[in-house]
Each structure stands twice: as C-alpha cells, then as structure tokens.
Protein backbone atom coordinates (compact mmCIF):
# COMPACT_ATOMS: atom_id res chain seq x y z
CA MET A 1 -19.00 -23.46 -2.11
CA ILE A 2 -16.30 -22.97 0.28
CA LEU A 3 -16.85 -22.86 4.19
CA ILE A 4 -14.24 -21.57 6.43
CA LYS A 5 -14.48 -22.58 9.73
CA ASN A 6 -13.15 -22.02 13.35
CA GLY A 7 -11.20 -18.96 12.42
CA THR A 8 -11.56 -15.66 14.17
CA VAL A 9 -13.24 -13.32 11.59
CA VAL A 10 -12.30 -9.76 11.52
CA ASP A 11 -14.19 -7.24 9.47
CA PRO A 12 -13.45 -3.75 10.37
CA ALA A 13 -16.08 -2.37 7.81
CA ASN A 14 -18.85 -4.21 9.72
CA GLY A 15 -17.48 -3.93 13.17
CA ILE A 16 -17.05 -7.79 13.33
CA LYS A 17 -14.52 -9.49 15.51
CA LYS A 18 -15.65 -13.12 16.83
CA GLN A 19 -15.11 -16.58 16.10
CA ALA A 20 -17.26 -17.51 13.45
CA SER A 21 -17.42 -19.43 9.75
CA VAL A 22 -17.50 -17.75 6.58
CA LEU A 23 -19.75 -19.31 3.73
CA ILE A 24 -18.69 -18.45 0.38
CA LYS A 25 -21.24 -19.29 -2.72
CA ASP A 26 -20.63 -18.23 -6.35
CA GLY A 27 -17.86 -16.05 -5.61
CA LYS A 28 -19.63 -14.01 -3.08
CA ILE A 29 -19.82 -13.82 0.76
CA GLU A 30 -23.10 -15.86 1.27
CA LYS A 31 -23.02 -15.13 5.20
CA ILE A 32 -21.20 -15.30 8.21
CA ILE A 33 -22.39 -17.81 11.29
CA ASP A 34 -21.38 -18.41 14.46
CA GLU A 35 -22.15 -22.41 14.11
CA SER A 36 -21.00 -24.00 10.96
CA CYS A 37 -22.68 -27.11 11.88
CA ALA A 38 -26.07 -25.23 11.56
CA LEU A 39 -25.68 -25.20 7.79
CA GLU A 40 -27.55 -27.52 5.52
CA GLU A 41 -25.06 -27.05 2.92
CA VAL A 42 -21.94 -27.99 4.89
CA ASN A 43 -21.85 -31.44 3.20
CA SER A 44 -21.34 -30.00 -0.23
CA CYS A 45 -18.69 -27.45 0.66
CA GLN A 46 -14.95 -27.45 0.32
CA ILE A 47 -13.91 -26.83 4.02
CA ILE A 48 -10.96 -24.64 5.21
CA ASP A 49 -9.87 -25.41 8.56
CA ALA A 50 -8.81 -21.86 9.74
CA LEU A 51 -8.43 -22.84 13.41
CA GLY A 52 -6.15 -20.47 15.01
CA CYS A 53 -6.13 -18.02 12.34
CA ILE A 54 -7.55 -14.43 11.28
CA VAL A 55 -10.08 -14.62 8.61
CA ALA A 56 -10.06 -10.89 7.21
CA PRO A 57 -11.03 -8.86 3.94
CA GLY A 58 -8.14 -9.23 1.38
CA LEU A 59 -5.50 -6.71 1.87
CA VAL A 60 -5.61 -3.63 -0.57
CA ASP A 61 -2.23 -1.81 -1.52
CA VAL A 62 -2.99 1.44 -3.20
CA HIS A 63 0.66 2.26 -3.80
CA VAL A 64 2.40 -0.25 -5.92
CA HIS A 65 4.83 -0.37 -8.80
CA PHE A 66 4.78 -3.40 -11.23
CA ARG A 67 7.10 -1.89 -13.48
CA ASP A 68 5.16 -2.80 -16.66
CA PRO A 69 5.38 -1.54 -19.28
CA GLY A 70 9.13 -0.44 -19.93
CA PHE A 71 10.71 -2.06 -16.86
CA SER A 72 9.82 -5.63 -16.80
CA TYR A 73 13.08 -6.77 -15.70
CA LYS A 74 12.46 -5.70 -12.43
CA GLU A 75 8.94 -6.76 -12.47
CA ASP A 76 6.01 -7.42 -14.54
CA ILE A 77 2.38 -7.37 -14.02
CA LYS A 78 2.32 -11.16 -13.72
CA THR A 79 5.18 -11.61 -11.12
CA GLY A 80 3.85 -8.46 -9.21
CA ALA A 81 0.33 -10.16 -8.90
CA LYS A 82 1.81 -13.48 -7.60
CA ALA A 83 3.89 -11.49 -4.99
CA ALA A 84 0.77 -9.44 -3.81
CA LEU A 85 -1.39 -12.71 -3.71
CA ARG A 86 1.50 -14.53 -1.54
CA GLY A 87 1.31 -11.36 0.94
CA GLY A 88 -2.54 -11.67 1.20
CA PHE A 89 -3.57 -8.81 -0.93
CA THR A 90 -6.38 -9.37 -3.28
CA SER A 91 -6.43 -5.74 -4.82
CA VAL A 92 -3.88 -3.26 -5.81
CA VAL A 93 -3.46 -0.05 -7.50
CA LEU A 94 -0.54 0.71 -9.49
CA MET A 95 1.55 3.76 -10.00
CA ALA A 96 1.62 5.65 -13.41
CA ASN A 97 5.32 6.17 -13.87
CA THR A 98 6.01 3.16 -16.21
CA ASN A 99 7.51 3.88 -19.68
CA PRO A 100 5.42 5.12 -21.32
CA VAL A 101 3.81 6.58 -18.52
CA VAL A 102 0.37 6.31 -18.19
CA ASP A 103 -1.14 9.55 -19.55
CA ASN A 104 -2.83 8.03 -22.63
CA VAL A 105 -5.81 5.55 -23.26
CA GLU A 106 -3.56 3.19 -24.98
CA THR A 107 -1.27 2.40 -22.08
CA LEU A 108 -3.76 2.77 -19.56
CA THR A 109 -5.88 0.01 -21.75
CA TYR A 110 -2.87 -2.05 -21.81
CA VAL A 111 -2.22 -2.40 -18.25
CA LEU A 112 -5.63 -3.02 -17.33
CA GLN A 113 -5.79 -5.82 -19.81
CA LYS A 114 -2.82 -7.51 -18.65
CA GLY A 115 -4.29 -7.14 -15.04
CA LYS A 116 -7.22 -9.14 -15.85
CA GLU A 117 -5.12 -11.97 -16.96
CA THR A 118 -4.17 -12.82 -13.28
CA ASP A 119 -5.82 -13.79 -10.38
CA LEU A 120 -5.19 -10.33 -8.66
CA LYS A 121 -7.56 -7.29 -9.27
CA ILE A 122 -5.46 -4.76 -10.55
CA TYR A 123 -6.22 -1.21 -10.73
CA THR A 124 -4.25 1.62 -11.95
CA CYS A 125 -3.75 5.41 -11.47
CA ALA A 126 -3.04 7.69 -14.37
CA THR A 127 -0.48 10.59 -14.31
CA VAL A 128 -1.80 14.04 -13.33
CA THR A 129 0.77 16.00 -15.82
CA LYS A 130 1.50 14.82 -19.29
CA GLY A 131 4.72 12.94 -19.63
CA MET A 132 5.19 13.50 -15.57
CA ALA A 133 6.73 16.95 -16.72
CA GLY A 134 4.72 18.90 -14.50
CA GLU A 135 3.68 21.35 -17.07
CA GLU A 136 0.27 20.17 -18.56
CA LEU A 137 -2.37 18.38 -17.15
CA THR A 138 -3.56 15.18 -18.56
CA ASP A 139 -7.04 14.90 -20.02
CA MET A 140 -8.35 13.52 -16.43
CA GLU A 141 -12.20 12.92 -17.49
CA LEU A 142 -11.13 10.99 -20.43
CA LEU A 143 -8.81 8.53 -18.31
CA PHE A 144 -11.14 8.26 -15.66
CA GLY A 145 -13.97 7.23 -18.18
CA GLN A 146 -11.45 4.62 -19.40
CA GLY A 147 -10.71 3.15 -16.02
CA ALA A 148 -8.05 4.93 -14.06
CA VAL A 149 -9.13 4.84 -10.21
CA GLY A 150 -7.01 8.01 -9.41
CA PHE A 151 -4.34 9.96 -10.34
CA THR A 152 -0.58 10.57 -9.23
CA ASP A 153 2.75 11.74 -10.55
CA ASP A 154 4.24 9.31 -8.01
CA GLY A 155 8.03 9.64 -8.10
CA LYS A 156 8.22 13.14 -9.18
CA PRO A 157 6.75 16.30 -7.16
CA ILE A 158 4.61 18.85 -9.05
CA MET A 159 6.13 22.05 -8.32
CA ASP A 160 3.65 24.39 -9.88
CA ALA A 161 1.16 25.26 -7.17
CA THR A 162 -1.29 26.87 -9.62
CA LEU A 163 -1.16 23.53 -11.90
CA THR A 164 -1.50 21.42 -8.64
CA LYS A 165 -4.57 23.73 -8.01
CA SER A 166 -6.10 23.10 -11.35
CA ALA A 167 -5.73 19.38 -10.74
CA PHE A 168 -7.00 19.56 -7.35
CA LYS A 169 -10.25 21.10 -8.91
CA LYS A 170 -10.62 18.41 -11.58
CA VAL A 171 -10.39 15.47 -9.52
CA ALA A 172 -12.82 17.14 -6.63
CA ALA A 173 -15.12 17.23 -9.89
CA LEU A 174 -14.59 13.71 -10.72
CA LYS A 175 -14.89 12.41 -7.16
CA VAL A 176 -11.64 10.59 -7.34
CA PRO A 177 -8.29 10.70 -5.19
CA ILE A 178 -4.90 12.65 -6.09
CA SER A 179 -1.97 10.98 -4.54
CA LEU A 180 1.32 12.99 -4.26
CA HIS A 181 4.96 12.32 -3.82
CA GLU A 182 6.04 15.21 -1.60
CA GLU A 183 9.57 15.82 -2.19
CA ASN A 184 10.81 19.24 -3.22
CA PRO A 185 14.11 18.81 -5.01
CA LYS A 186 15.22 22.29 -3.52
CA PHE A 187 15.89 20.55 -0.12
CA ILE A 188 17.52 17.59 -1.80
CA GLN A 189 21.34 17.30 -2.68
CA GLU A 190 21.29 13.47 -2.96
CA ASN A 191 18.06 11.50 -2.65
CA GLY A 192 17.34 8.24 -0.57
CA VAL A 193 19.29 8.92 2.48
CA ASN A 194 18.15 11.40 5.16
CA ALA A 195 20.38 14.42 5.35
CA GLY A 196 22.13 14.00 8.90
CA LYS A 197 24.52 11.76 10.52
CA ILE A 198 23.98 9.04 7.94
CA ALA A 199 24.48 11.14 4.96
CA GLU A 200 27.45 12.54 6.48
CA TYR A 201 29.08 8.98 7.00
CA TYR A 202 28.84 8.53 3.22
CA LYS A 203 30.00 12.07 2.66
CA ILE A 204 26.80 13.18 1.01
CA GLY A 205 24.12 15.87 1.66
CA GLY A 206 21.24 13.63 1.41
CA SER A 207 17.64 14.75 1.55
CA SER A 208 16.39 17.23 4.16
CA ARG A 209 13.30 16.45 5.85
CA GLU A 210 12.09 20.00 4.83
CA ALA A 211 11.88 18.49 1.31
CA GLU A 212 8.87 16.81 2.40
CA ILE A 213 7.53 19.27 4.98
CA SER A 214 7.14 22.14 2.46
CA MET A 215 5.50 20.01 -0.10
CA ILE A 216 2.75 18.49 2.62
CA ALA A 217 2.14 22.14 3.97
CA ARG A 218 1.52 23.45 0.28
CA ASP A 219 -0.97 20.74 -0.82
CA LEU A 220 -2.84 20.40 2.46
CA GLN A 221 -3.65 24.14 2.13
CA LEU A 222 -4.87 23.54 -1.61
CA ALA A 223 -7.00 20.75 -0.60
CA LEU A 224 -8.61 22.51 2.10
CA GLU A 225 -9.58 25.32 -0.54
CA THR A 226 -10.83 22.82 -3.15
CA ASN A 227 -12.21 19.86 -1.13
CA ALA A 228 -10.34 17.47 -3.41
CA SER A 229 -9.65 14.16 -1.94
CA LEU A 230 -5.81 14.29 -1.16
CA ASN A 231 -3.74 11.29 -0.43
CA ILE A 232 -0.21 12.21 1.08
CA GLN A 233 1.75 9.33 -0.17
CA HIS A 234 4.59 7.46 2.15
CA ILE A 235 4.78 10.15 4.87
CA SER A 236 8.19 10.13 6.76
CA THR A 237 8.41 13.07 9.10
CA LYS A 238 7.17 13.86 12.38
CA GLU A 239 6.37 17.16 11.21
CA GLY A 240 4.50 16.04 8.22
CA VAL A 241 2.25 13.74 10.31
CA ALA A 242 1.40 16.84 12.35
CA LEU A 243 0.40 18.86 9.38
CA VAL A 244 -2.00 16.15 8.41
CA ARG A 245 -3.34 15.80 11.80
CA GLU A 246 -4.14 19.54 11.70
CA ALA A 247 -5.49 19.64 8.20
CA LYS A 248 -7.62 16.68 9.18
CA ARG A 249 -9.36 18.78 11.99
CA LYS A 250 -9.61 21.69 9.74
CA ALA A 251 -11.67 19.51 7.31
CA ALA A 252 -13.78 18.05 9.88
CA GLU A 253 -14.69 21.50 10.97
CA GLN A 254 -15.82 22.20 7.27
CA GLY A 255 -17.70 19.02 6.99
CA PHE A 256 -15.44 17.32 5.03
CA ASP A 257 -13.27 13.94 4.94
CA ASN A 258 -11.00 14.47 2.18
CA ILE A 259 -7.49 14.75 3.69
CA HIS A 260 -5.69 11.29 3.68
CA ALA A 261 -2.29 9.99 4.46
CA GLU A 262 -0.21 6.77 3.83
CA ALA A 263 2.48 5.17 5.83
CA THR A 264 4.69 2.44 4.35
CA PRO A 265 6.14 -0.53 6.49
CA HIS A 266 9.59 0.32 6.14
CA HIS A 267 8.75 3.70 7.49
CA PHE A 268 7.14 2.45 10.74
CA SER A 269 9.78 -0.21 11.10
CA LEU A 270 13.21 1.07 10.42
CA THR A 271 15.15 4.12 11.01
CA GLN A 272 18.17 5.81 8.82
CA GLU A 273 20.67 3.78 10.99
CA ALA A 274 19.48 0.77 8.58
CA VAL A 275 21.22 2.15 5.78
CA LEU A 276 24.74 1.88 7.59
CA GLN A 277 23.53 -2.04 7.96
CA TYR A 278 21.91 -2.45 4.53
CA GLY A 279 23.17 -0.12 2.35
CA THR A 280 21.21 0.45 -0.75
CA LEU A 281 18.66 -1.94 0.23
CA ALA A 282 17.60 0.57 2.58
CA LYS A 283 17.79 3.46 0.40
CA MET A 284 14.24 4.72 -0.45
CA ASN A 285 12.18 8.13 -1.39
CA PRO A 286 11.59 9.49 1.02
CA PRO A 287 14.38 8.27 3.17
CA LEU A 288 14.41 6.63 6.45
CA ARG A 289 14.43 9.02 9.02
CA GLU A 290 15.00 9.56 12.83
CA GLU A 291 13.76 7.42 15.76
CA ALA A 292 11.04 10.34 16.60
CA ASP A 293 9.77 10.44 12.90
CA ARG A 294 9.43 6.58 13.12
CA LEU A 295 7.46 6.82 16.49
CA ALA A 296 5.32 9.78 15.16
CA VAL A 297 4.43 7.64 12.06
CA ILE A 298 3.19 5.05 14.24
CA GLU A 299 1.26 7.44 16.49
CA GLY A 300 -0.41 8.63 13.23
CA LEU A 301 -1.42 5.08 12.44
CA LYS A 302 -2.97 4.82 15.96
CA ASP A 303 -4.99 7.67 16.02
CA GLY A 304 -6.40 7.72 12.43
CA THR A 305 -4.09 10.75 11.24
CA ILE A 306 -2.59 8.27 8.75
CA ASP A 307 -5.41 6.14 7.49
CA ILE A 308 -3.74 3.90 5.06
CA ILE A 309 -0.62 1.50 5.13
CA ALA A 310 0.63 1.11 1.40
CA THR A 311 3.90 -0.67 0.66
CA ASP A 312 5.48 1.48 -2.22
CA HIS A 313 6.46 -1.88 -3.68
CA ALA A 314 9.35 -0.84 -5.77
CA PRO A 315 11.36 -3.67 -7.44
CA HIS A 316 14.87 -3.07 -8.62
CA SER A 317 17.38 -5.48 -9.93
CA THR A 318 20.38 -6.76 -7.98
CA GLU A 319 22.80 -5.43 -10.43
CA GLU A 320 21.21 -2.00 -9.97
CA LYS A 321 21.02 -1.86 -6.33
CA ALA A 322 24.62 -3.17 -6.25
CA LYS A 323 25.72 0.32 -7.31
CA PRO A 324 27.40 2.98 -4.81
CA ILE A 325 25.02 4.69 -2.66
CA THR A 326 24.87 7.76 -4.86
CA GLU A 327 24.20 5.89 -7.86
CA ALA A 328 21.67 2.85 -7.00
CA PRO A 329 17.90 3.76 -7.44
CA SER A 330 15.73 4.35 -4.42
CA GLY A 331 13.06 1.73 -3.29
CA ILE A 332 12.40 -1.78 -1.92
CA ILE A 333 9.95 -4.54 -2.53
CA GLY A 334 7.24 -4.94 0.03
CA LEU A 335 3.76 -6.85 -0.95
CA GLU A 336 5.33 -10.12 0.78
CA THR A 337 6.31 -8.66 3.85
CA ALA A 338 3.99 -5.99 4.80
CA LEU A 339 1.49 -7.72 6.91
CA ALA A 340 4.03 -9.56 8.79
CA LEU A 341 5.96 -6.26 9.37
CA GLY A 342 2.52 -4.70 10.58
CA ILE A 343 1.94 -7.82 12.99
CA THR A 344 5.55 -7.76 14.09
CA ASN A 345 6.12 -4.08 14.55
CA LEU A 346 2.71 -2.80 15.37
CA VAL A 347 0.35 -5.35 16.91
CA ASP A 348 2.63 -7.52 18.64
CA THR A 349 4.33 -4.27 20.27
CA GLY A 350 0.41 -3.39 21.52
CA GLN A 351 0.47 -0.39 19.10
CA LEU A 352 -2.29 -1.53 17.03
CA SER A 353 -4.99 -3.84 17.39
CA VAL A 354 -5.13 -6.58 14.73
CA ASP A 355 -8.71 -5.05 13.55
CA THR A 356 -6.92 -1.73 13.06
CA LEU A 357 -4.41 -3.04 11.17
CA ILE A 358 -6.87 -4.65 8.81
CA GLU A 359 -8.76 -1.59 8.56
CA ARG A 360 -5.60 0.51 7.63
CA MET A 361 -4.46 -2.25 5.03
CA SER A 362 -7.85 -3.28 3.61
CA THR A 363 -11.08 -1.28 4.76
CA ALA A 364 -9.51 2.45 4.61
CA PRO A 365 -7.45 1.99 1.08
CA ALA A 366 -10.56 0.15 -0.52
CA ARG A 367 -12.72 3.05 0.60
CA LEU A 368 -10.40 5.78 -0.59
CA TYR A 369 -10.51 4.48 -4.29
CA HIS A 370 -13.64 3.67 -4.03
CA LEU A 371 -12.96 -0.26 -4.72
CA MET A 372 -15.24 -2.85 -4.01
CA ALA A 373 -13.14 -4.41 -1.58
CA GLY A 374 -12.32 -4.22 1.95
CA THR A 375 -15.23 -6.07 3.65
CA LEU A 376 -16.83 -9.19 4.21
CA SER A 377 -20.53 -7.89 3.95
CA GLU A 378 -22.98 -10.61 2.64
CA GLY A 379 -23.28 -10.55 -1.24
CA ALA A 380 -19.50 -8.64 -1.46
CA SER A 381 -16.99 -10.51 -3.84
CA ALA A 382 -15.36 -13.18 -1.46
CA ASP A 383 -11.92 -11.51 -1.18
CA LEU A 384 -10.44 -13.01 1.69
CA VAL A 385 -7.22 -13.49 3.55
CA ILE A 386 -6.50 -16.24 6.28
CA PHE A 387 -3.06 -15.57 8.19
CA ASP A 388 -1.80 -17.16 11.49
CA ILE A 389 -0.87 -14.23 13.35
CA ASN A 390 1.10 -16.64 15.97
CA ALA A 391 3.44 -18.27 13.42
CA SER A 392 6.48 -16.77 12.31
CA TRP A 393 8.73 -17.08 9.35
CA THR A 394 12.14 -16.22 8.09
CA VAL A 395 12.31 -13.90 4.92
CA LYS A 396 14.37 -15.86 2.40
CA GLU A 397 12.81 -16.19 -1.20
CA PHE A 398 10.20 -13.98 -3.05
CA ALA A 399 7.48 -14.45 -5.64
CA SER A 400 8.49 -11.05 -6.87
CA LYS A 401 10.97 -10.99 -9.53
CA SER A 402 13.27 -8.69 -7.56
CA SER A 403 14.68 -9.28 -4.05
CA ASN A 404 15.65 -5.67 -3.16
CA SER A 405 14.58 -5.90 0.40
CA PRO A 406 16.35 -4.83 3.91
CA PHE A 407 14.24 -7.73 5.67
CA VAL A 408 15.97 -10.57 3.90
CA GLY A 409 17.01 -12.81 6.85
CA GLN A 410 14.74 -11.47 9.45
CA THR A 411 12.32 -13.62 11.43
CA LEU A 412 8.70 -11.91 11.30
CA GLN A 413 5.65 -13.01 13.00
CA GLY A 414 2.18 -13.66 10.75
CA VAL A 415 1.93 -16.36 7.98
CA VAL A 416 -0.22 -15.93 4.94
CA LYS A 417 -1.94 -19.45 4.80
CA TYR A 418 -4.73 -18.50 2.11
CA THR A 419 -5.56 -15.82 -0.25
CA ILE A 420 -9.09 -15.99 -1.99
CA VAL A 421 -10.22 -13.89 -4.88
CA ASP A 422 -13.86 -14.11 -5.91
CA GLY A 423 -14.12 -17.44 -4.16
CA LYS A 424 -11.38 -18.86 -5.81
CA ILE A 425 -8.38 -19.76 -3.74
CA VAL A 426 -5.40 -18.30 -5.35
CA TYR A 427 -2.50 -18.82 -2.98
CA MET A 428 -2.04 -21.47 -0.50
CA GLN A 429 1.06 -21.40 1.65
CA GLU A 430 3.86 -23.13 0.09
CA ASP A 431 5.03 -26.52 1.83
CA ASN A 432 8.59 -25.16 1.93
CA LEU A 433 7.68 -22.06 4.05
CA LYS A 434 8.48 -23.03 7.39
CA SER A 435 6.31 -21.67 10.49
CA SER A 436 6.52 -22.14 14.21
C-alpha cells in the first residue's frame, strides 16, 4: 500500500480540489481521506509526503509519435515511454504513421505488445486509409476489434471528402474517435513555417492559414452530418478555433457532444517569431502563427472550445534538424515539457486554473478515447502524477532519444516529483534535476 499525504488532491472528474491523502491498495485507488491519521493501515504503508504538491490523475496524451516501427533512431517505444513518465503521463495514444503504418493487424499487434513491455499504458490508433494514401479505407472493424482505440492519418490530410464521410460513418457506428490532421496542401508552398513575414524572411512561400481553415470547415460539417466523434488535431488558427466553437454549438443544439479539438503546448506558448530565434527547432506542422492566433487558442482552452491539450511529441535526430529550413523535418518533442509549459503559460498567467489544466491534460483526453484513466475515483487504477507547481527547472537533458525542442535552456514552472502507474512508482524526480 502507498499513502500519499499532505498534498492538494485535484480530481476534475469528481470535482475534488482539497487538502487530502490518497490511499493506494492493490494498484487501485482505495480512498481519498481528509485525515491520514485516521487510517488504521497507515503503519503498513509506504508514505509519500506530497507537502506543497498537487496530487492528480496521471496525464493522458492522445497525440504522440514513438517512431516505432521504422524510425527508431529518432525514438522507440521504450525511450518514448521513459519520456512520457518523466513528464507525468501515465497513458498515451500513439499515432499510426510508422513504417509500416498501422493499417494491419500485424503492425498493430507489434506496437501494442511492445507497449506492454514498458511501465506506461500505451494505446495506438490505426490509420483511416490503407497506406495513408487517402484512397481506400482500412478494415476499421477488424483493427478496432484487435485493439486500436481510434483512427487517424495524422501527418497527412484526407483530401477525398466522400471517402472522409464514409470513414465518419464507420467510426460513428464503432463509437470511436477519428482524429484529423487539417492541412490542405493546395495552400502550402513550404510546410512548417507560417506564410507571412517569417516565411518572407526565409524567402519561401510557407504554409497559409487557409490550409487549416478550409479543412476544418469541411470536416466539421461532415461530423455534424454523421454525428461522428471528430477530434481536430493541433489547432493553430483563430479562424479554426471559431469554427470549432460554432460547430460545438450546433452539435449541442442537436443533443450531441461529438466535436473535439486539441491544442499543443507550443501553439499556446510560441508564435511564428520563434522560428527566427530557434530555426528548425520551431518548425512544425501546422506552423506557429501570429499572436492573435496564440491568444485565440488560449481562449479556446479557457471556454472549452478546445477540450484537450496534446503534445504532438515528434522526435527527430539532431542531424535531421540541422538541415536547412526547407529540408529539415517538422515537429518537436513535448512530453517532458508539456505540464510545465501549461503551468508557466496558462496557470501562472491566470488564464487557466490548475484543475482546468488537469482536466484538459488528463480527464478530457481519457474521455475522448474511452480510456480507463483521468480519474481518482475509488476503485480506479492508481495512475497519478505528483508535481510541485511552485518549483522551477531549466530544460536541459531529456529521457527521449531526441532533443529537438525550442524550449531547451528555458526555465519553467512545475516539477514532476512522482509518476505512479497501477500503484507502482515508475518515475521519481532525479537527484540531478535542480528545482528552486
């Protein structure tokens, strides 16, 4: 048994935010109690003193790339799991754009089996289309039956609207989410950099905001027509946020709650100017945009238009990111900095309460993918994160195999002290991680 005492327990799923103790027994949440001394079992417990810390459901990331199979020089399932646990995540959902892609049972089984060999709860999506070619749907019923928790062609948009609508009908019948990468290549000359003054600095055309807006508008309409559970991935434009807000209103009028959207920490923390400062380390799809877009993303997180914070953890090698801006791959790692960026740029600035941050990073993503996570309810799996919201740390080394992050060298608020999965301590703050 483990007794976590003296912490502030935050459980948005049950509306709890109070000074309390958490008793863990046989890998489950036994009870949350106000007075730890009232427990007869206290003498037989392992004690964790969480004084000054938040005790919350383990974080859940529904947009992660572990690059395995096919690109394990960037990351593999083992190193990705270590990065996630260090960041306070207890469950992740992997994207399917591996090599081979997860469009078949063999690759799906490989990923899930390797995930079971880690301390992290690893789930995966399968692709919407075979080979992510956007031409023919996968056998969604089969892949769902074999363990896929959702479907996505993340990394590529699905341009055929008729095919997309057919996919929506299938996921609606299966009652699983479909998560879409919304970038129309028609409006992109060079990806990863917002079309405008920064693209002009690099003498490239960049990626127009219309690339995202047009695809979001199309797919929201299809979701309203089919009642499919749609997740708009890594939203980056103010117009996209407004479209989601309106679609959610229309869905609610019809009695549905099937429209969802996710924002990344980099899109609520940075703007396109970061590309000038950090170069390819700030190149991503969709790109960082303008301050008005960043503020709109934050407003969406505040009012629930954007219900999920997801990292889009995208490891790349140092050699790849050292290439010129037009040749380097897009994407940054994010699992180890996500919570601290949320605390630093949302909670400490007064934009979000800590309980809303936890809801966006744990409860809501677990709900979208129907995962047994994101709660401290009695009898639930004891998946928790304990973090000191007042401590700071400087981003230096990573547990991830890659280090492609524009946040290296920055000092952030919020230090993960413990990550617990099924009642087992799977991460403790390293002695060499200095906090103040």
